[in-house]
C-alpha atoms as a PDB file:
ATOM      1  CA  UNK A   1     125.216  -6.721 128.369  1.00  0.00           C
ATOM      2  CA  UNK A   2     122.136  -7.526 126.365  1.00  0.00           C
ATOM      3  CA  UNK A   3     120.124  -5.506 123.893  1.00  0.00           C
ATOM      4  CA  UNK A   4     117.131  -5.702 121.584  1.00  0.00           C
ATOM      5  CA  UNK A   5     114.950  -3.478 119.490  1.00  0.00           C
ATOM      6  CA  UNK A   6     111.380  -3.368 118.263  1.00  0.00           C
ATOM      7  CA  UNK A   7     110.916  -1.075 115.293  1.00  0.00           C
ATOM      8  CA  UNK A   8     112.869   2.068 116.105  1.00  0.00           C
ATOM      9  CA  UNK A   9     112.909   1.496 119.882  1.00  0.00           C
ATOM     10  CA  UNK A  10     116.170   0.119 121.255  1.00  0.00           C
ATOM     11  CA  UNK A  11     116.515  -1.304 124.755  1.00  0.00           C
ATOM     12  CA  UNK A  12     119.633  -2.562 126.501  1.00  0.00           C
ATOM     13  CA  UNK A  13     120.616  -3.774 129.929  1.00  0.00           C
ATOM     14  CA  UNK A  14     123.778  -4.645 131.824  1.00  0.00           C
ATOM     15  CA  UNK A  15     123.272  -7.212 134.589  1.00  0.00           C
ATOM     16  CA  UNK A  16     125.581  -8.115 137.420  1.00  0.00           C
ATOM     17  CA  UNK A  17     123.952 -11.445 138.252  1.00  0.00           C
ATOM     18  CA  UNK A  18     123.383 -13.893 135.373  1.00  0.00           C
ATOM     19  CA  UNK A  19     123.148 -17.665 135.677  1.00  0.00           C
ATOM     20  CA  UNK A  20     122.367 -20.691 133.543  1.00  0.00           C
ATOM     21  CA  UNK A  21     119.464 -22.647 135.013  1.00  0.00           C
ATOM     22  CA  UNK A  22     118.970 -25.411 132.449  1.00  0.00           C
ATOM     23  CA  UNK A  23     120.328 -26.488 129.083  1.00  0.00           C
ATOM     24  CA  UNK A  24     117.225 -28.465 128.114  1.00  0.00           C
ATOM     25  CA  UNK A  25     115.041 -26.471 127.931  1.00  0.00           C
ATOM     26  CA  UNK A  26     117.396 -23.479 127.715  1.00  0.00           C
ATOM     27  CA  UNK A  27     116.644 -21.284 130.744  1.00  0.00           C
ATOM     28  CA  UNK A  28     118.549 -18.401 132.306  1.00  0.00           C
ATOM     29  CA  UNK A  29     118.169 -16.352 135.464  1.00  0.00           C
ATOM     30  CA  UNK A  30     119.058 -12.695 135.867  1.00  0.00           C
ATOM     31  CA  UNK A  31     118.180 -10.187 138.537  1.00  0.00           C
ATOM     32  CA  UNK A  32     117.467  -6.605 137.450  1.00  0.00           C
ATOM     33  CA  UNK A  33     117.324  -3.936 140.162  1.00  0.00           C
ATOM     34  CA  UNK A  34     113.894  -2.578 141.097  1.00  0.00           C
ATOM     35  CA  UNK A  35     115.260   0.833 140.082  1.00  0.00           C
ATOM     36  CA  UNK A  36     116.227  -0.338 136.568  1.00  0.00           C
ATOM     37  CA  UNK A  37     114.617   1.706 133.799  1.00  0.00           C
ATOM     38  CA  UNK A  38     114.512  -1.479 131.666  1.00  0.00           C
ATOM     39  CA  UNK A  39     112.671  -3.580 134.269  1.00  0.00           C
ATOM     40  CA  UNK A  40     109.173  -2.223 133.404  1.00  0.00           C
ATOM     41  CA  UNK A  41     109.767  -3.065 129.739  1.00  0.00           C
ATOM     42  CA  UNK A  42     110.729  -6.632 130.653  1.00  0.00           C
ATOM     43  CA  UNK A  43     107.605  -7.021 132.798  1.00  0.00           C
ATOM     44  CA  UNK A  44     105.392  -5.554 130.061  1.00  0.00           C
ATOM     45  CA  UNK A  45     106.794  -7.928 127.440  1.00  0.00           C
ATOM     46  CA  UNK A  46     106.663 -11.073 129.591  1.00  0.00           C
ATOM     47  CA  UNK A  47     104.039 -13.747 129.925  1.00  0.00           C
ATOM     48  CA  UNK A  48     103.168 -15.147 133.342  1.00  0.00           C
ATOM     49  CA  UNK A  49     103.965 -18.792 132.657  1.00  0.00           C
ATOM     50  CA  UNK A  50     103.031 -19.720 136.222  1.00  0.00           C
ATOM     51  CA  UNK A  51      99.551 -18.164 136.218  1.00  0.00           C
ATOM     52  CA  UNK A  52      97.846 -21.566 136.090  1.00  0.00           C
ATOM     53  CA  UNK A  53     100.191 -23.380 138.483  1.00  0.00           C
ATOM     54  CA  UNK A  54      98.589 -24.106 141.832  1.00  0.00           C
ATOM     55  CA  UNK A  55     100.606 -23.178 144.915  1.00  0.00           C
ATOM     56  CA  UNK A  56     100.107 -22.082 148.488  1.00  0.00           C
ATOM     57  CA  UNK A  57     102.239 -19.669 150.484  1.00  0.00           C
ATOM     58  CA  UNK A  58     104.554 -21.166 153.077  1.00  0.00           C
ATOM     59  CA  UNK A  59     105.236 -19.800 156.551  1.00  0.00           C
ATOM     60  CA  UNK A  60     107.144 -16.773 155.275  1.00  0.00           C
ATOM     61  CA  UNK A  61     105.137 -16.129 152.092  1.00  0.00           C
ATOM     62  CA  UNK A  62     107.347 -18.079 149.675  1.00  0.00           C
ATOM     63  CA  UNK A  63     105.769 -20.936 147.687  1.00  0.00           C
ATOM     64  CA  UNK A  64     105.572 -23.985 149.887  1.00  0.00           C
ATOM     65  CA  UNK A  65     103.261 -26.584 151.244  1.00  0.00           C
END
């Protein structure tokens, strides 16, 4: 369970899948459902940190060579 607020707006989320990716830098991974009412708020608040990273799609569309 996680929660936050901005001004008077409170947002919370319970996730079933949560994993530590790295301690240095501290990174986590969680997987919200596409049907989550919190998911659009997460997307709206996020920054695309990979926007300037060059990649090409592999055979099945995933990043690859």
